[in-house]
C-alpha atoms as a PDB file:
ATOM      1  CA  MET A   1       0.000   0.000   0.000  1.00  0.00           C
ATOM      2  CA  LEU A   2       1.163   3.523  -0.823  1.00  0.00           C
ATOM      3  CA  LYS A   3       2.407   5.515   2.188  1.00  0.00           C
ATOM      4  CA  LEU A   4       1.381   9.179   1.902  1.00  0.00           C
ATOM      5  CA  ASN A   5       2.883  11.939   4.053  1.00  0.00           C
ATOM      6  CA  TYR A   6      -0.049  14.262   4.721  1.00  0.00           C
ATOM      7  CA  VAL A   7       0.724  17.909   5.444  1.00  0.00           C
ATOM      8  CA  GLY A   8      -0.167  19.672   8.661  1.00  0.00           C
ATOM      9  CA  THR A   9      -2.201  22.793   9.197  1.00  0.00           C
ATOM     10  CA  GLY A  10       0.868  25.055   9.285  1.00  0.00           C
ATOM     11  CA  THR A  11       1.956  23.996   5.803  1.00  0.00           C
ATOM     12  CA  ARG A  12      -1.577  24.494   4.536  1.00  0.00           C
ATOM     13  CA  VAL A  13      -1.654  28.011   6.007  1.00  0.00           C
ATOM     14  CA  LEU A  14       1.645  28.815   4.266  1.00  0.00           C
ATOM     15  CA  ASN A  15       0.241  27.483   0.963  1.00  0.00           C
ATOM     16  CA  PHE A  16      -2.849  29.634   1.476  1.00  0.00           C
ATOM     17  CA  CYS A  17      -0.824  32.779   2.229  1.00  0.00           C
ATOM     18  CA  VAL A  18       1.472  32.437  -0.812  1.00  0.00           C
ATOM     19  CA  ASP A  19      -1.421  31.689  -3.159  1.00  0.00           C
ATOM     20  CA  THR A  20      -3.629  34.449  -1.744  1.00  0.00           C
ATOM     21  CA  VAL A  21      -0.926  37.085  -2.261  1.00  0.00           C
ATOM     22  CA  ILE A  22      -0.530  35.989  -5.899  1.00  0.00           C
ATOM     23  CA  ILE A  23      -4.310  35.923  -6.415  1.00  0.00           C
ATOM     24  CA  LEU A  24      -4.633  39.381  -4.858  1.00  0.00           C
ATOM     25  CA  ILE A  25      -1.944  40.817  -7.155  1.00  0.00           C
ATOM     26  CA  LEU A  26      -3.535  39.243 -10.253  1.00  0.00           C
ATOM     27  CA  THR A  27      -6.985  40.454  -9.225  1.00  0.00           C
ATOM     28  CA  THR A  28      -5.792  43.991  -8.541  1.00  0.00           C
ATOM     29  CA  VAL A  29      -4.111  44.255 -11.959  1.00  0.00           C
ATOM     30  CA  LEU A  30      -7.144  42.846 -13.777  1.00  0.00           C
ATOM     31  CA  PHE A  31      -9.527  45.063 -11.789  1.00  0.00           C
ATOM     32  CA  LYS A  32      -7.539  48.209 -12.586  1.00  0.00           C
ATOM     33  CA  ILE A  33      -7.566  47.350 -16.294  1.00  0.00           C
ATOM     34  CA  TYR A  34     -11.303  46.659 -16.083  1.00  0.00           C
ATOM     35  CA  LYS A  35     -11.960  49.991 -14.305  1.00  0.00           C
ATOM     36  CA  TRP A  36     -10.201  51.781 -17.142  1.00  0.00           C
ATOM     37  CA  TYR A  37     -12.675  50.189 -19.588  1.00  0.00           C
ATOM     38  CA  VAL A  38     -15.588  51.078 -17.304  1.00  0.00           C
ATOM     39  CA  PHE A  39     -14.489  54.708 -17.205  1.00  0.00           C
ATOM     40  CA  TYR A  40     -13.721  55.175 -20.899  1.00  0.00           C
ATOM     41  CA  TYR A  41     -16.248  52.831 -22.520  1.00  0.00           C
ATOM     42  CA  HIS A  42     -19.041  53.059 -19.926  1.00  0.00           C
ATOM     43  CA  ILE A  43     -19.495  49.316 -19.612  1.00  0.00           C
ATOM     44  CA  SER A  44     -21.351  47.957 -16.588  1.00  0.00           C
ATOM     45  CA  TYR A  45     -19.445  47.940 -13.305  1.00  0.00           C
ATOM     46  CA  TRP A  46     -18.727  44.845 -11.192  1.00  0.00           C
ATOM     47  CA  ASN A  47     -17.191  45.128  -7.759  1.00  0.00           C
ATOM     48  CA  PHE A  48     -13.750  43.842  -6.745  1.00  0.00           C
ATOM     49  CA  GLY A  49     -15.195  40.772  -5.002  1.00  0.00           C
ATOM     50  CA  TRP A  50     -16.497  39.304  -8.262  1.00  0.00           C
ATOM     51  CA  PHE A  51     -13.032  39.601  -9.759  1.00  0.00           C
ATOM     52  CA  PHE A  52     -11.339  38.165  -6.678  1.00  0.00           C
ATOM     53  CA  PHE A  53     -13.510  35.044  -6.542  1.00  0.00           C
ATOM     54  CA  GLY A  54     -13.333  34.612 -10.315  1.00  0.00           C
ATOM     55  CA  VAL A  55      -9.540  34.762 -10.298  1.00  0.00           C
ATOM     56  CA  LEU A  56      -9.413  32.467  -7.263  1.00  0.00           C
ATOM     57  CA  PHE A  57     -11.544  29.842  -9.031  1.00  0.00           C
ATOM     58  CA  VAL A  58      -9.618  30.007 -12.320  1.00  0.00           C
ATOM     59  CA  TYR A  59      -6.204  30.098 -10.585  1.00  0.00           C
ATOM     60  CA  TYR A  60      -6.751  26.987  -8.475  1.00  0.00           C
ATOM     61  CA  THR A  61      -8.660  25.080 -11.148  1.00  0.00           C
ATOM     62  CA  ILE A  62      -6.169  25.534 -13.971  1.00  0.00           C
ATOM     63  CA  LEU A  63      -3.010  25.056 -11.907  1.00  0.00           C
ATOM     64  CA  GLU A  64      -4.313  22.003 -10.052  1.00  0.00           C
ATOM     65  CA  ILE A  65      -5.681  20.363 -13.223  1.00  0.00           C
ATOM     66  CA  ILE A  66      -2.385  20.814 -15.064  1.00  0.00           C
ATOM     67  CA  PHE A  67       0.208  20.420 -12.293  1.00  0.00           C
ATOM     68  CA  ALA A  68      -1.723  19.245  -9.178  1.00  0.00           C
ATOM     69  CA  ARG A  69       0.140  22.132  -7.536  1.00  0.00           C
ATOM     70  CA  THR A  70       0.007  25.897  -7.128  1.00  0.00           C
ATOM     71  CA  PRO A  71       2.932  28.240  -6.429  1.00  0.00           C
ATOM     72  CA  GLY A  72       2.179  27.894  -2.700  1.00  0.00           C
ATOM     73  CA  LYS A  73       2.434  24.131  -2.997  1.00  0.00           C
ATOM     74  CA  TRP A  74       5.657  24.399  -5.022  1.00  0.00           C
ATOM     75  CA  PHE A  75       7.088  26.580  -2.262  1.00  0.00           C
ATOM     76  CA  THR A  76       6.257  23.999   0.416  1.00  0.00           C
ATOM     77  CA  GLN A  77       7.052  20.964  -1.781  1.00  0.00           C
ATOM     78  CA  THR A  78       3.499  19.587  -1.597  1.00  0.00           C
ATOM     79  CA  LYS A  79       0.846  18.526  -4.105  1.00  0.00           C
ATOM     80  CA  VAL A  80      -2.796  17.485  -4.375  1.00  0.00           C
ATOM     81  CA  VAL A  81      -3.573  13.780  -4.649  1.00  0.00           C
ATOM     82  CA  ASN A  82      -6.715  11.655  -4.774  1.00  0.00           C
ATOM     83  CA  LYS A  83      -7.446   8.962  -2.180  1.00  0.00           C
ATOM     84  CA  SER A  84      -5.275   6.403  -3.975  1.00  0.00           C
ATOM     85  CA  GLY A  85      -2.306   8.791  -4.116  1.00  0.00           C
ATOM     86  CA  GLY A  86      -2.595   9.598  -7.827  1.00  0.00           C
ATOM     87  CA  LYS A  87      -3.331  12.790  -9.707  1.00  0.00           C
ATOM     88  CA  PRO A  88      -6.898  13.991  -9.043  1.00  0.00           C
ATOM     89  CA  SER A  89      -9.445  13.990 -11.853  1.00  0.00           C
ATOM     90  CA  VAL A  90     -10.726  17.188 -13.448  1.00  0.00           C
ATOM     91  CA  ILE A  91     -14.060  16.751 -11.645  1.00  0.00           C
ATOM     92  CA  GLU A  92     -12.321  16.421  -8.260  1.00  0.00           C
ATOM     93  CA  ILE A  93     -10.340  19.611  -8.927  1.00  0.00           C
ATOM     94  CA  ILE A  94     -13.449  21.530 -10.029  1.00  0.00           C
ATOM     95  CA  ILE A  95     -15.260  20.386  -6.866  1.00  0.00           C
ATOM     96  CA  ARG A  96     -12.263  21.568  -4.792  1.00  0.00           C
ATOM     97  CA  SER A  97     -12.322  24.957  -6.483  1.00  0.00           C
ATOM     98  CA  VAL A  98     -16.085  25.467  -6.109  1.00  0.00           C
ATOM     99  CA  VAL A  99     -16.110  24.502  -2.422  1.00  0.00           C
ATOM    100  CA  ARG A 100     -13.142  26.816  -1.821  1.00  0.00           C
ATOM    101  CA  LEU A 101     -15.418  29.731  -2.745  1.00  0.00           C
ATOM    102  CA  THR A 102     -17.596  29.139   0.316  1.00  0.00           C
ATOM    103  CA  VAL A 103     -16.926  31.178   3.408  1.00  0.00           C
ATOM    104  CA  ILE A 104     -17.189  28.144   5.716  1.00  0.00           C
ATOM    105  CA  ASP A 105     -14.476  26.065   3.985  1.00  0.00           C
ATOM    106  CA  MET A 106     -11.711  26.630   6.542  1.00  0.00           C
ATOM    107  CA  PHE A 107     -13.932  26.214   9.600  1.00  0.00           C
ATOM    108  CA  PHE A 108     -14.070  22.446   9.094  1.00  0.00           C
ATOM    109  CA  ILE A 109     -10.375  21.922   9.911  1.00  0.00           C
ATOM    110  CA  PRO A 110     -10.980  21.330  13.670  1.00  0.00           C
ATOM    111  CA  PHE A 111     -13.700  18.752  12.947  1.00  0.00           C
ATOM    112  CA  LEU A 112     -12.356  16.948   9.873  1.00  0.00           C
ATOM    113  CA  ASP A 113      -8.615  17.627  10.299  1.00  0.00           C
ATOM    114  CA  LYS A 114      -8.759  19.078   6.781  1.00  0.00           C
ATOM    115  CA  PRO A 115     -10.661  21.858   4.996  1.00  0.00           C
ATOM    116  CA  LEU A 116     -14.072  21.153   3.544  1.00  0.00           C
ATOM    117  CA  HIS A 117     -12.791  21.317  -0.058  1.00  0.00           C
ATOM    118  CA  ASP A 118     -10.531  18.305   0.593  1.00  0.00           C
ATOM    119  CA  TYR A 119     -13.255  16.337   2.361  1.00  0.00           C
ATOM    120  CA  ILE A 120     -15.949  16.820  -0.293  1.00  0.00           C
ATOM    121  CA  SER A 121     -13.633  16.297  -3.283  1.00  0.00           C
ATOM    122  CA  LYS A 122     -11.988  13.257  -1.638  1.00  0.00           C
ATOM    123  CA  THR A 123      -8.493  14.690  -2.134  1.00  0.00           C
ATOM    124  CA  ASP A 124      -5.546  15.424   0.148  1.00  0.00           C
ATOM    125  CA  VAL A 125      -2.393  17.522   0.134  1.00  0.00           C
ATOM    126  CA  VAL A 126       0.795  15.516   0.626  1.00  0.00           C
ATOM    127  CA  ILE A 127       4.533  16.148   0.879  1.00  0.00           C
ATOM    128  CA  ILE A 128       6.402  15.054  -2.238  1.00  0.00           C
END
């Protein structure tokens, strides 16, 4: 049987911090470009939150489908795996990304020993 080294909460927090800074920078740049178009072409306005959650969803989905890792996971030498230790399916990654958008995702760590997006998608983050 495959022996997986699951990451702790501290590593997950570091992954989250690195990825959130990158997502925030990407969102800010895209939002500033969008505001320029709103001002000069009078297109309808969306608030920053829509951009943030859109970038968050696309960022995690694309990077985890292609690499099973994000820059935060590269930094901590971790990756996403399915229950058998292999690369997660596209559906599992999309489920992870959708559940990540909920506000309650992180509050399940004390009860499940993992965030809700890992529990529902049946994935884990492991040390490589």
